[in-house]
Amino acid sequence: MSSKQLVIGIDGGGTHTRVIVSDLEGKVLAYIERGAASIHKDKQAAQNVRGAIDDALRQADCAGSQVLGLAAGIAGYDQPSDLDWIRPLTELPGLTCPQWHVNDAVSAHAGALLGQPGIVVIAGTGSIIVGITEDGELIRNYDFHHYAASAARFIAYDAVYEILAGNFEESDTELVHAMLGHWKVHTLGELGTMAKQGFEVDRRERDRHFGSFAPILTQAAELGSSAAIRVCTRAIDQVKVGIELIAASFSSEEVPVAFIGSVANSPYFHRTVSGLLTNINNNKRYLLATPAFPPVVGSLLLAMKNINQPASNAVIRNLRESGPLYSV
């Protein structure tokens, strides 16, 4: 068994839990994926996270006593009371190191922009926009009671409502066929009957089913479906407003913006949002940034920072060299 001192980073999203273990030099020893970490998305969230940590330590051939710190970004951590269900996610026998729990958007920002000022837009299973200003202030669009309904399930719900309301034309033919196939019905009448009955009874299953339709929808927008474009444009406009709300608190005229998530990085969304940001004239210039690392590495970097081992250039280089392991 290895005797190295370790840190653990966790990205606990609404679809996947990702756990990474590295030594203090940034050499990745293990990477594991399991199911969702949010109890709002999966009843087995605690088992998913604990199992992923246990598997990662086993893969690294290390013991919990060797871990100096653990940072976990958890979807659904929106208020202090959420710690009541979040802390138990990472409680394992023998893992007695200090632990830090944050919203998964904080981990995403740490990974994407390496702690530098800027804004990160997350739109995938969930949706949030988070910025860190030049003076270190953390600002979320949630703080304004603003929400950009760009999460996968929300744009899918919106698309189904548009079609059932009759708001479609010839350019939407393929989208309608795909929608009927996704819900395993033959006609819009059958889909309407299913809708009136609330689709799936279990909300988690219903949201998962809708969320899995989002890639079809964003692809339809890319191919010219008017209904898909209309739905995506509504979500994109809300994302734009959220970015501008947060950017107003930056002192610099130039604000980096990075995108994370399946919806945010779909060709239609990314191209359209990028175009809007390029043409905005509200005293800010938006610099499109490619995320340096995924959120799970962001958590790892937070753990290093919290144990007074901030990532050096050598650590960053080692983490980059491990990229094929975790960028799946």
C-alpha atoms as a PDB file:
ATOM      1  CA  MET A   1       0.000   0.000   0.000  1.00  0.00           C
ATOM      2  CA  SER A   2       1.228   3.499  -0.893  1.00  0.00           C
ATOM      3  CA  SER A   3       2.277   5.752   2.000  1.00  0.00           C
ATOM      4  CA  LYS A   4       1.748   9.044   0.136  1.00  0.00           C
ATOM      5  CA  GLN A   5      -0.205  11.935   1.584  1.00  0.00           C
ATOM      6  CA  LEU A   6      -3.348  12.542  -0.453  1.00  0.00           C
ATOM      7  CA  VAL A   7      -6.135  14.948  -1.249  1.00  0.00           C
ATOM      8  CA  ILE A   8      -9.589  14.090  -2.592  1.00  0.00           C
ATOM      9  CA  GLY A   9     -11.790  16.140  -4.880  1.00  0.00           C
ATOM     10  CA  ILE A  10     -15.458  15.362  -5.475  1.00  0.00           C
ATOM     11  CA  ASP A  11     -17.853  16.692  -8.083  1.00  0.00           C
ATOM     12  CA  GLY A  12     -21.278  15.630  -6.897  1.00  0.00           C
ATOM     13  CA  GLY A  13     -23.691  16.500  -9.665  1.00  0.00           C
ATOM     14  CA  GLY A  14     -27.295  15.716 -10.393  1.00  0.00           C
ATOM     15  CA  THR A  15     -26.355  12.899 -12.758  1.00  0.00           C
ATOM     16  CA  HIS A  16     -22.876  11.712 -11.774  1.00  0.00           C
ATOM     17  CA  THR A  17     -20.573  11.667  -8.772  1.00  0.00           C
ATOM     18  CA  ARG A  18     -16.926  11.988  -9.765  1.00  0.00           C
ATOM     19  CA  VAL A  19     -14.118  11.383  -7.291  1.00  0.00           C
ATOM     20  CA  ILE A  20     -10.443  12.058  -7.897  1.00  0.00           C
ATOM     21  CA  VAL A  21      -7.509  11.200  -5.632  1.00  0.00           C
ATOM     22  CA  SER A  22      -4.072  12.714  -6.069  1.00  0.00           C
ATOM     23  CA  ASP A  23      -0.873  13.159  -4.128  1.00  0.00           C
ATOM     24  CA  LEU A  24       0.354  16.617  -3.181  1.00  0.00           C
ATOM     25  CA  GLU A  25       2.299  16.856  -6.431  1.00  0.00           C
ATOM     26  CA  GLY A  26      -0.897  16.635  -8.488  1.00  0.00           C
ATOM     27  CA  LYS A  27      -0.270  13.095  -9.678  1.00  0.00           C
ATOM     28  CA  VAL A  28      -3.669  11.488 -10.038  1.00  0.00           C
ATOM     29  CA  LEU A  29      -3.844   8.072  -8.395  1.00  0.00           C
ATOM     30  CA  ALA A  30      -7.525   7.299  -8.941  1.00  0.00           C
ATOM     31  CA  TYR A  31     -10.647   8.487 -10.706  1.00  0.00           C
ATOM     32  CA  ILE A  32     -14.118   6.995 -10.149  1.00  0.00           C
ATOM     33  CA  GLU A  33     -17.619   7.776 -11.411  1.00  0.00           C
ATOM     34  CA  ARG A  34     -20.887   6.752  -9.789  1.00  0.00           C
ATOM     35  CA  GLY A  35     -24.510   7.926  -9.774  1.00  0.00           C
ATOM     36  CA  ALA A  36     -25.896  11.280  -8.637  1.00  0.00           C
ATOM     37  CA  ALA A  37     -24.847  12.955  -5.379  1.00  0.00           C
ATOM     38  CA  SER A  38     -27.998  15.006  -4.871  1.00  0.00           C
ATOM     39  CA  ILE A  39     -30.812  13.512  -2.810  1.00  0.00           C
ATOM     40  CA  HIS A  40     -33.141  15.588  -4.964  1.00  0.00           C
ATOM     41  CA  LYS A  41     -32.102  13.496  -7.971  1.00  0.00           C
ATOM     42  CA  ASP A  42     -31.305  10.061  -6.547  1.00  0.00           C
ATOM     43  CA  LYS A  43     -32.495   8.310  -3.387  1.00  0.00           C
ATOM     44  CA  GLN A  44     -29.194   6.417  -3.370  1.00  0.00           C
ATOM     45  CA  ALA A  45     -27.086   9.603  -3.304  1.00  0.00           C
ATOM     46  CA  ALA A  46     -25.264   8.762  -0.062  1.00  0.00           C
ATOM     47  CA  GLN A  47     -24.421   5.260  -1.249  1.00  0.00           C
ATOM     48  CA  ASN A  48     -23.228   6.669  -4.566  1.00  0.00           C
ATOM     49  CA  VAL A  49     -20.807   9.148  -3.005  1.00  0.00           C
ATOM     50  CA  ARG A  50     -19.490   6.903  -0.254  1.00  0.00           C
ATOM     51  CA  GLY A  51     -19.074   4.043  -2.674  1.00  0.00           C
ATOM     52  CA  ALA A  52     -17.174   6.257  -5.111  1.00  0.00           C
ATOM     53  CA  ILE A  53     -14.799   7.467  -2.372  1.00  0.00           C
ATOM     54  CA  ASP A  54     -14.226   3.930  -1.151  1.00  0.00           C
ATOM     55  CA  ASP A  55     -13.576   2.670  -4.686  1.00  0.00           C
ATOM     56  CA  ALA A  56     -11.206   5.555  -5.396  1.00  0.00           C
ATOM     57  CA  LEU A  57      -9.132   4.877  -2.290  1.00  0.00           C
ATOM     58  CA  ARG A  58      -9.006   1.218  -3.209  1.00  0.00           C
ATOM     59  CA  GLN A  59      -7.964   2.062  -6.766  1.00  0.00           C
ATOM     60  CA  ALA A  60      -5.220   4.332  -5.402  1.00  0.00           C
ATOM     61  CA  ASP A  61      -4.153   1.541  -3.023  1.00  0.00           C
ATOM     62  CA  CYS A  62      -4.335   3.978  -0.119  1.00  0.00           C
ATOM     63  CA  ALA A  63      -6.076   4.298   3.242  1.00  0.00           C
ATOM     64  CA  GLY A  64      -8.370   7.049   4.460  1.00  0.00           C
ATOM     65  CA  SER A  65      -5.796   7.960   7.118  1.00  0.00           C
ATOM     66  CA  GLN A  66      -3.469   9.212   4.373  1.00  0.00           C
ATOM     67  CA  VAL A  67      -5.940  11.867   3.184  1.00  0.00           C
ATOM     68  CA  LEU A  68      -5.070  15.383   4.382  1.00  0.00           C
ATOM     69  CA  GLY A  69      -8.189  17.061   3.036  1.00  0.00           C
ATOM     70  CA  LEU A  70     -11.344  16.503   1.017  1.00  0.00           C
ATOM     71  CA  ALA A  71     -13.376  19.088  -0.878  1.00  0.00           C
ATOM     72  CA  ALA A  72     -16.753  18.257  -2.363  1.00  0.00           C
ATOM     73  CA  GLY A  73     -18.870  20.360  -4.694  1.00  0.00           C
ATOM     74  CA  ILE A  74     -22.433  19.142  -4.303  1.00  0.00           C
ATOM     75  CA  ALA A  75     -25.417  19.982  -6.496  1.00  0.00           C
ATOM     76  CA  GLY A  76     -28.302  21.278  -4.420  1.00  0.00           C
ATOM     77  CA  TYR A  77     -26.165  22.914  -1.724  1.00  0.00           C
ATOM     78  CA  ASP A  78     -27.963  26.250  -1.716  1.00  0.00           C
ATOM     79  CA  GLN A  79     -28.367  27.114   1.974  1.00  0.00           C
ATOM     80  CA  PRO A  80     -26.708  26.209   5.305  1.00  0.00           C
ATOM     81  CA  SER A  81     -29.463  23.763   6.253  1.00  0.00           C
ATOM     82  CA  ASP A  82     -28.531  21.624   3.236  1.00  0.00           C
ATOM     83  CA  LEU A  83     -25.423  20.530   5.134  1.00  0.00           C
ATOM     84  CA  ASP A  84     -27.714  18.250   7.150  1.00  0.00           C
ATOM     85  CA  TRP A  85     -27.906  15.883   4.164  1.00  0.00           C
ATOM     86  CA  ILE A  86     -24.628  16.853   2.501  1.00  0.00           C
ATOM     87  CA  ARG A  87     -22.139  16.162   5.315  1.00  0.00           C
ATOM     88  CA  PRO A  88     -23.174  12.489   5.639  1.00  0.00           C
ATOM     89  CA  LEU A  89     -22.392  11.960   1.954  1.00  0.00           C
ATOM     90  CA  THR A  90     -18.643  11.961   2.683  1.00  0.00           C
ATOM     91  CA  GLU A  91     -18.636  10.275   6.094  1.00  0.00           C
ATOM     92  CA  LEU A  92     -16.647   7.045   5.840  1.00  0.00           C
ATOM     93  CA  PRO A  93     -14.978   4.994   8.583  1.00  0.00           C
ATOM     94  CA  GLY A  94     -11.301   5.883   8.766  1.00  0.00           C
ATOM     95  CA  LEU A  95     -11.676   9.090   6.738  1.00  0.00           C
ATOM     96  CA  THR A  96     -11.013  11.656   9.478  1.00  0.00           C
ATOM     97  CA  CYS A  97      -9.444  14.472   7.468  1.00  0.00           C
ATOM     98  CA  PRO A  98     -10.882  18.001   7.321  1.00  0.00           C
ATOM     99  CA  GLN A  99     -13.709  18.223   4.793  1.00  0.00           C
ATOM    100  CA  TRP A 100     -15.079  21.208   2.937  1.00  0.00           C
ATOM    101  CA  HIS A 101     -18.454  21.175   1.194  1.00  0.00           C
ATOM    102  CA  VAL A 102     -19.448  23.796  -1.370  1.00  0.00           C
ATOM    103  CA  ASN A 103     -21.980  24.187  -4.130  1.00  0.00           C
ATOM    104  CA  ASP A 104     -20.831  22.320  -7.223  1.00  0.00           C
ATOM    105  CA  ALA A 105     -20.671  25.627  -9.092  1.00  0.00           C
ATOM    106  CA  VAL A 106     -17.857  26.751  -6.785  1.00  0.00           C
ATOM    107  CA  SER A 107     -15.858  23.665  -7.749  1.00  0.00           C
ATOM    108  CA  ALA A 108     -16.667  24.287 -11.398  1.00  0.00           C
ATOM    109  CA  HIS A 109     -15.345  27.847 -11.145  1.00  0.00           C
ATOM    110  CA  ALA A 110     -12.173  26.707  -9.363  1.00  0.00           C
ATOM    111  CA  GLY A 111     -11.469  24.197 -12.094  1.00  0.00           C
ATOM    112  CA  ALA A 112     -12.463  26.306 -15.070  1.00  0.00           C
ATOM    113  CA  LEU A 113     -10.745  29.568 -14.132  1.00  0.00           C
ATOM    114  CA  LEU A 114      -8.182  28.318 -11.566  1.00  0.00           C
ATOM    115  CA  GLY A 115      -9.400  30.728  -8.931  1.00  0.00           C
ATOM    116  CA  GLN A 116      -9.051  33.790 -11.149  1.00  0.00           C
ATOM    117  CA  PRO A 117     -11.825  36.401 -11.470  1.00  0.00           C
ATOM    118  CA  GLY A 118     -14.506  35.596 -13.995  1.00  0.00           C
ATOM    119  CA  ILE A 119     -17.891  34.032 -14.567  1.00  0.00           C
ATOM    120  CA  VAL A 120     -18.795  30.406 -15.129  1.00  0.00           C
ATOM    121  CA  VAL A 121     -22.089  29.421 -16.740  1.00  0.00           C
ATOM    122  CA  ILE A 122     -23.264  25.925 -15.890  1.00  0.00           C
ATOM    123  CA  ALA A 123     -26.139  24.409 -17.836  1.00  0.00           C
ATOM    124  CA  GLY A 124     -26.515  20.664 -17.870  1.00  0.00           C
ATOM    125  CA  THR A 125     -28.442  18.601 -15.357  1.00  0.00           C
ATOM    126  CA  GLY A 126     -28.769  21.839 -13.393  1.00  0.00           C
ATOM    127  CA  SER A 127     -28.336  25.510 -14.143  1.00  0.00           C
ATOM    128  CA  ILE A 128     -26.437  28.194 -12.260  1.00  0.00           C
ATOM    129  CA  ILE A 129     -24.234  31.168 -13.096  1.00  0.00           C
ATOM    130  CA  VAL A 130     -21.456  32.013 -10.651  1.00  0.00           C
ATOM    131  CA  GLY A 131     -18.802  34.697 -10.625  1.00  0.00           C
ATOM    132  CA  ILE A 132     -15.808  35.586  -8.488  1.00  0.00           C
ATOM    133  CA  THR A 133     -14.886  39.265  -8.669  1.00  0.00           C
ATOM    134  CA  GLU A 134     -11.458  40.866  -8.518  1.00  0.00           C
ATOM    135  CA  ASP A 135     -11.769  41.298  -4.736  1.00  0.00           C
ATOM    136  CA  GLY A 136     -12.786  37.661  -4.223  1.00  0.00           C
ATOM    137  CA  GLU A 137     -16.538  38.165  -3.814  1.00  0.00           C
ATOM    138  CA  LEU A 138     -18.554  35.087  -4.803  1.00  0.00           C
ATOM    139  CA  ILE A 139     -21.783  36.007  -6.586  1.00  0.00           C
ATOM    140  CA  ARG A 140     -24.434  33.637  -7.930  1.00  0.00           C
ATOM    141  CA  ASN A 141     -27.401  34.555 -10.073  1.00  0.00           C
ATOM    142  CA  TYR A 142     -29.427  32.831  -7.325  1.00  0.00           C
ATOM    143  CA  ASP A 143     -28.409  35.663  -4.988  1.00  0.00           C
ATOM    144  CA  PHE A 144     -30.584  37.977  -7.083  1.00  0.00           C
ATOM    145  CA  HIS A 145     -33.419  35.405  -7.006  1.00  0.00           C
ATOM    146  CA  HIS A 146     -32.679  35.028 -10.701  1.00  0.00           C
ATOM    147  CA  TYR A 147     -32.817  31.652 -12.394  1.00  0.00           C
ATOM    148  CA  ALA A 148     -31.903  30.861 -15.977  1.00  0.00           C
ATOM    149  CA  ALA A 149     -34.108  27.927 -16.960  1.00  0.00           C
ATOM    150  CA  SER A 150     -31.418  26.387 -19.147  1.00  0.00           C
ATOM    151  CA  ALA A 151     -31.040  23.035 -17.387  1.00  0.00           C
ATOM    152  CA  ALA A 152     -31.634  20.045 -19.645  1.00  0.00           C
ATOM    153  CA  ARG A 153     -34.986  19.090 -18.166  1.00  0.00           C
ATOM    154  CA  PHE A 154     -36.363  22.636 -18.303  1.00  0.00           C
ATOM    155  CA  ILE A 155     -35.705  23.199 -21.982  1.00  0.00           C
ATOM    156  CA  ALA A 156     -37.168  19.763 -22.670  1.00  0.00           C
ATOM    157  CA  TYR A 157     -40.330  20.529 -20.682  1.00  0.00           C
ATOM    158  CA  ASP A 158     -40.623  23.817 -22.563  1.00  0.00           C
ATOM    159  CA  ALA A 159     -40.278  22.081 -25.917  1.00  0.00           C
ATOM    160  CA  VAL A 160     -42.964  19.511 -25.110  1.00  0.00           C
ATOM    161  CA  TYR A 161     -45.337  22.277 -24.025  1.00  0.00           C
ATOM    162  CA  GLU A 162     -44.701  24.173 -27.267  1.00  0.00           C
ATOM    163  CA  ILE A 163     -45.492  21.141 -29.394  1.00  0.00           C
ATOM    164  CA  LEU A 164     -48.571  20.123 -27.384  1.00  0.00           C
ATOM    165  CA  ALA A 165     -49.816  23.718 -27.657  1.00  0.00           C
ATOM    166  CA  GLY A 166     -49.659  23.380 -31.428  1.00  0.00           C
ATOM    167  CA  ASN A 167     -46.776  25.797 -31.887  1.00  0.00           C
ATOM    168  CA  PHE A 168     -44.906  23.899 -34.580  1.00  0.00           C
ATOM    169  CA  GLU A 169     -44.445  23.932 -38.341  1.00  0.00           C
ATOM    170  CA  GLU A 170     -42.806  21.941 -41.106  1.00  0.00           C
ATOM    171  CA  SER A 171     -39.282  22.631 -39.863  1.00  0.00           C
ATOM    172  CA  ASP A 172     -40.229  20.839 -36.622  1.00  0.00           C
ATOM    173  CA  THR A 173     -41.250  17.539 -38.230  1.00  0.00           C
ATOM    174  CA  GLU A 174     -38.135  15.645 -37.144  1.00  0.00           C
ATOM    175  CA  LEU A 175     -38.311  17.125 -33.647  1.00  0.00           C
ATOM    176  CA  VAL A 176     -41.928  15.979 -33.253  1.00  0.00           C
ATOM    177  CA  HIS A 177     -41.075  12.457 -34.471  1.00  0.00           C
ATOM    178  CA  ALA A 178     -38.138  12.297 -32.056  1.00  0.00           C
ATOM    179  CA  MET A 179     -40.352  13.510 -29.217  1.00  0.00           C
ATOM    180  CA  LEU A 180     -42.980  10.846 -29.874  1.00  0.00           C
ATOM    181  CA  GLY A 181     -40.295   8.190 -29.997  1.00  0.00           C
ATOM    182  CA  HIS A 182     -38.686   9.400 -26.786  1.00  0.00           C
ATOM    183  CA  TRP A 183     -41.973   9.039 -24.917  1.00  0.00           C
ATOM    184  CA  LYS A 184     -42.880   5.829 -26.776  1.00  0.00           C
ATOM    185  CA  VAL A 185     -46.179   7.066 -28.202  1.00  0.00           C
ATOM    186  CA  HIS A 186     -47.460   7.192 -31.772  1.00  0.00           C
ATOM    187  CA  THR A 187     -49.419  10.446 -31.881  1.00  0.00           C
ATOM    188  CA  LEU A 188     -49.476  13.859 -30.258  1.00  0.00           C
ATOM    189  CA  GLY A 189     -52.865  12.941 -28.859  1.00  0.00           C
ATOM    190  CA  GLU A 190     -51.305  10.077 -26.943  1.00  0.00           C
ATOM    191  CA  LEU A 191     -48.520  12.371 -25.726  1.00  0.00           C
ATOM    192  CA  GLY A 192     -51.144  14.899 -24.640  1.00  0.00           C
ATOM    193  CA  THR A 193     -52.996  12.237 -22.666  1.00  0.00           C
ATOM    194  CA  MET A 194     -49.750  11.220 -20.998  1.00  0.00           C
ATOM    195  CA  ALA A 195     -49.047  14.878 -20.192  1.00  0.00           C
ATOM    196  CA  LYS A 196     -52.461  15.396 -18.598  1.00  0.00           C
ATOM    197  CA  GLN A 197     -51.693  12.443 -16.359  1.00  0.00           C
ATOM    198  CA  GLY A 198     -48.423  14.051 -15.291  1.00  0.00           C
ATOM    199  CA  PHE A 199     -46.061  11.803 -17.295  1.00  0.00           C
ATOM    200  CA  GLU A 200     -44.115   9.617 -14.810  1.00  0.00           C
ATOM    201  CA  VAL A 201     -45.421   9.665 -11.244  1.00  0.00           C
ATOM    202  CA  ASP A 202     -41.980   9.823  -9.639  1.00  0.00           C
ATOM    203  CA  ARG A 203     -40.538  13.309 -10.076  1.00  0.00           C
ATOM    204  CA  ARG A 204     -36.938  12.107 -10.204  1.00  0.00           C
ATOM    205  CA  GLU A 205     -37.712   9.661 -12.983  1.00  0.00           C
ATOM    206  CA  ARG A 206     -39.786  12.265 -14.829  1.00  0.00           C
ATOM    207  CA  ASP A 207     -37.006  14.846 -14.669  1.00  0.00           C
ATOM    208  CA  ARG A 208     -34.431  12.291 -15.821  1.00  0.00           C
ATOM    209  CA  HIS A 209     -36.596  11.335 -18.774  1.00  0.00           C
ATOM    210  CA  PHE A 210     -37.067  14.954 -19.802  1.00  0.00           C
ATOM    211  CA  GLY A 211     -33.396  15.746 -19.250  1.00  0.00           C
ATOM    212  CA  SER A 212     -32.324  12.946 -21.558  1.00  0.00           C
ATOM    213  CA  PHE A 213     -34.323  14.576 -24.365  1.00  0.00           C
ATOM    214  CA  ALA A 214     -32.297  17.810 -24.216  1.00  0.00           C
ATOM    215  CA  PRO A 215     -29.496  16.669 -26.585  1.00  0.00           C
ATOM    216  CA  ILE A 216     -32.132  15.875 -29.203  1.00  0.00           C
ATOM    217  CA  LEU A 217     -33.636  19.319 -28.718  1.00  0.00           C
ATOM    218  CA  THR A 218     -30.377  21.274 -28.971  1.00  0.00           C
ATOM    219  CA  GLN A 219     -29.436  19.265 -32.064  1.00  0.00           C
ATOM    220  CA  ALA A 220     -32.829  20.092 -33.560  1.00  0.00           C
ATOM    221  CA  ALA A 221     -32.124  23.789 -32.979  1.00  0.00           C
ATOM    222  CA  GLU A 222     -28.802  23.359 -34.745  1.00  0.00           C
ATOM    223  CA  LEU A 223     -30.635  21.788 -37.705  1.00  0.00           C
ATOM    224  CA  GLY A 224     -33.157  24.623 -37.966  1.00  0.00           C
ATOM    225  CA  SER A 225     -36.242  23.499 -36.043  1.00  0.00           C
ATOM    226  CA  SER A 226     -38.194  26.678 -35.332  1.00  0.00           C
ATOM    227  CA  ALA A 227     -39.714  25.330 -32.103  1.00  0.00           C
ATOM    228  CA  ALA A 228     -36.329  24.160 -30.825  1.00  0.00           C
ATOM    229  CA  ILE A 229     -34.743  27.491 -31.695  1.00  0.00           C
ATOM    230  CA  ARG A 230     -37.544  29.336 -29.911  1.00  0.00           C
ATOM    231  CA  VAL A 231     -37.138  27.239 -26.757  1.00  0.00           C
ATOM    232  CA  CYS A 232     -33.354  27.487 -26.749  1.00  0.00           C
ATOM    233  CA  THR A 233     -33.435  31.222 -27.407  1.00  0.00           C
ATOM    234  CA  ARG A 234     -35.652  31.808 -24.376  1.00  0.00           C
ATOM    235  CA  ALA A 235     -33.170  29.962 -22.179  1.00  0.00           C
ATOM    236  CA  ILE A 236     -30.205  31.718 -23.773  1.00  0.00           C
ATOM    237  CA  ASP A 237     -31.736  35.150 -23.140  1.00  0.00           C
ATOM    238  CA  GLN A 238     -32.059  34.272 -19.451  1.00  0.00           C
ATOM    239  CA  VAL A 239     -28.433  33.105 -19.336  1.00  0.00           C
ATOM    240  CA  LYS A 240     -27.328  36.384 -20.927  1.00  0.00           C
ATOM    241  CA  VAL A 241     -29.187  38.421 -18.305  1.00  0.00           C
ATOM    242  CA  GLY A 242     -27.663  36.332 -15.510  1.00  0.00           C
ATOM    243  CA  ILE A 243     -24.166  36.921 -16.845  1.00  0.00           C
ATOM    244  CA  GLU A 244     -24.787  40.660 -17.064  1.00  0.00           C
ATOM    245  CA  LEU A 245     -26.227  40.807 -13.551  1.00  0.00           C
ATOM    246  CA  ILE A 246     -23.066  39.293 -12.111  1.00  0.00           C
ATOM    247  CA  ALA A 247     -20.673  41.164 -14.405  1.00  0.00           C
ATOM    248  CA  ALA A 248     -21.986  44.497 -13.107  1.00  0.00           C
ATOM    249  CA  SER A 249     -20.110  43.814  -9.841  1.00  0.00           C
ATOM    250  CA  PHE A 250     -16.736  43.477 -11.592  1.00  0.00           C
ATOM    251  CA  SER A 251     -14.460  46.493 -11.598  1.00  0.00           C
ATOM    252  CA  SER A 252     -12.670  45.453 -14.790  1.00  0.00           C
ATOM    253  CA  GLU A 253     -14.098  46.242 -18.202  1.00  0.00           C
ATOM    254  CA  GLU A 254     -13.094  42.741 -19.356  1.00  0.00           C
ATOM    255  CA  VAL A 255     -14.760  39.718 -17.768  1.00  0.00           C
ATOM    256  CA  PRO A 256     -13.783  36.127 -18.647  1.00  0.00           C
ATOM    257  CA  VAL A 257     -16.725  33.758 -19.138  1.00  0.00           C
ATOM    258  CA  ALA A 258     -16.487  29.957 -19.318  1.00  0.00           C
ATOM    259  CA  PHE A 259     -19.198  27.417 -20.113  1.00  0.00           C
ATOM    260  CA  ILE A 260     -19.702  24.034 -18.475  1.00  0.00           C
ATOM    261  CA  GLY A 261     -22.352  21.380 -19.029  1.00  0.00           C
ATOM    262  CA  SER A 262     -23.980  19.481 -21.864  1.00  0.00           C
ATOM    263  CA  VAL A 263     -26.512  22.188 -22.679  1.00  0.00           C
ATOM    264  CA  ALA A 264     -24.117  25.135 -22.344  1.00  0.00           C
ATOM    265  CA  ASN A 265     -21.589  23.437 -24.604  1.00  0.00           C
ATOM    266  CA  SER A 266     -24.023  22.164 -27.214  1.00  0.00           C
ATOM    267  CA  PRO A 267     -23.108  23.813 -30.554  1.00  0.00           C
ATOM    268  CA  TYR A 268     -26.282  25.898 -30.824  1.00  0.00           C
ATOM    269  CA  PHE A 269     -26.180  27.210 -27.241  1.00  0.00           C
ATOM    270  CA  HIS A 270     -22.470  27.908 -27.149  1.00  0.00           C
ATOM    271  CA  ARG A 271     -22.385  29.657 -30.517  1.00  0.00           C
ATOM    272  CA  THR A 272     -25.495  31.736 -29.822  1.00  0.00           C
ATOM    273  CA  VAL A 273     -24.526  32.819 -26.297  1.00  0.00           C
ATOM    274  CA  SER A 274     -20.993  33.588 -27.469  1.00  0.00           C
ATOM    275  CA  GLY A 275     -22.382  35.734 -30.270  1.00  0.00           C
ATOM    276  CA  LEU A 276     -24.621  37.659 -27.892  1.00  0.00           C
ATOM    277  CA  LEU A 277     -21.777  38.305 -25.454  1.00  0.00           C
ATOM    278  CA  THR A 278     -19.538  39.522 -28.243  1.00  0.00           C
ATOM    279  CA  ASN A 279     -22.135  42.108 -29.282  1.00  0.00           C
ATOM    280  CA  ILE A 280     -23.171  43.332 -25.825  1.00  0.00           C
ATOM    281  CA  ASN A 281     -22.529  47.012 -25.222  1.00  0.00           C
ATOM    282  CA  ASN A 282     -23.055  47.616 -21.499  1.00  0.00           C
ATOM    283  CA  ASN A 283     -19.558  48.797 -20.507  1.00  0.00           C
ATOM    284  CA  LYS A 284     -18.247  45.226 -20.276  1.00  0.00           C
ATOM    285  CA  ARG A 285     -16.291  43.121 -22.732  1.00  0.00           C
ATOM    286  CA  TYR A 286     -16.671  39.381 -22.324  1.00  0.00           C
ATOM    287  CA  LEU A 287     -13.675  37.167 -22.968  1.00  0.00           C
ATOM    288  CA  LEU A 288     -14.658  33.601 -23.806  1.00  0.00           C
ATOM    289  CA  ALA A 289     -12.488  31.230 -21.770  1.00  0.00           C
ATOM    290  CA  THR A 290     -11.918  27.527 -22.289  1.00  0.00           C
ATOM    291  CA  PRO A 291     -12.251  25.753 -18.914  1.00  0.00           C
ATOM    292  CA  ALA A 292      -8.820  24.686 -17.658  1.00  0.00           C
ATOM    293  CA  PHE A 293     -10.154  21.644 -15.780  1.00  0.00           C
ATOM    294  CA  PRO A 294     -13.475  19.922 -15.070  1.00  0.00           C
ATOM    295  CA  PRO A 295     -15.250  20.564 -11.746  1.00  0.00           C
ATOM    296  CA  VAL A 296     -13.857  17.454 -10.042  1.00  0.00           C
ATOM    297  CA  VAL A 297     -10.344  18.853 -10.444  1.00  0.00           C
ATOM    298  CA  GLY A 298     -11.666  22.177  -9.184  1.00  0.00           C
ATOM    299  CA  SER A 299     -12.641  20.425  -5.954  1.00  0.00           C
ATOM    300  CA  LEU A 300      -9.183  18.891  -5.749  1.00  0.00           C
ATOM    301  CA  LEU A 301      -7.601  22.335  -6.128  1.00  0.00           C
ATOM    302  CA  LEU A 302      -9.871  23.684  -3.381  1.00  0.00           C
ATOM    303  CA  ALA A 303      -8.767  20.869  -1.080  1.00  0.00           C
ATOM    304  CA  MET A 304      -5.117  21.698  -1.766  1.00  0.00           C
ATOM    305  CA  LYS A 305      -5.709  25.374  -1.111  1.00  0.00           C
ATOM    306  CA  ASN A 306      -7.513  24.641   2.162  1.00  0.00           C
ATOM    307  CA  ILE A 307      -4.593  22.588   3.497  1.00  0.00           C
ATOM    308  CA  ASN A 308      -2.206  25.416   2.579  1.00  0.00           C
ATOM    309  CA  GLN A 309      -0.831  23.568  -0.436  1.00  0.00           C
ATOM    310  CA  PRO A 310      -1.926  25.858  -3.285  1.00  0.00           C
ATOM    311  CA  ALA A 311      -1.318  24.385  -6.701  1.00  0.00           C
ATOM    312  CA  SER A 312       2.056  25.258  -8.177  1.00  0.00           C
ATOM    313  CA  ASN A 313       2.840  25.240 -11.885  1.00  0.00           C
ATOM    314  CA  ALA A 314       4.261  21.745 -11.428  1.00  0.00           C
ATOM    315  CA  VAL A 315       1.014  20.542  -9.825  1.00  0.00           C
ATOM    316  CA  ILE A 316      -1.034  22.046 -12.660  1.00  0.00           C
ATOM    317  CA  ARG A 317       1.251  20.364 -15.180  1.00  0.00           C
ATOM    318  CA  ASN A 318       0.861  16.985 -13.480  1.00  0.00           C
ATOM    319  CA  LEU A 319      -2.902  17.362 -13.389  1.00  0.00           C
ATOM    320  CA  ARG A 320      -2.952  18.223 -17.079  1.00  0.00           C
ATOM    321  CA  GLU A 321      -0.895  15.148 -17.885  1.00  0.00           C
ATOM    322  CA  SER A 322      -3.522  13.061 -16.081  1.00  0.00           C
ATOM    323  CA  GLY A 323      -6.278  14.540 -18.249  1.00  0.00           C
ATOM    324  CA  PRO A 324      -7.112  11.396 -20.240  1.00  0.00           C
ATOM    325  CA  LEU A 325      -7.958   9.684 -16.949  1.00  0.00           C
ATOM    326  CA  TYR A 326     -10.710  12.028 -15.819  1.00  0.00           C
ATOM    327  CA  SER A 327     -11.900  13.872 -18.944  1.00  0.00           C
ATOM    328  CA  VAL A 328     -14.321  11.158 -19.996  1.00  0.00           C
END
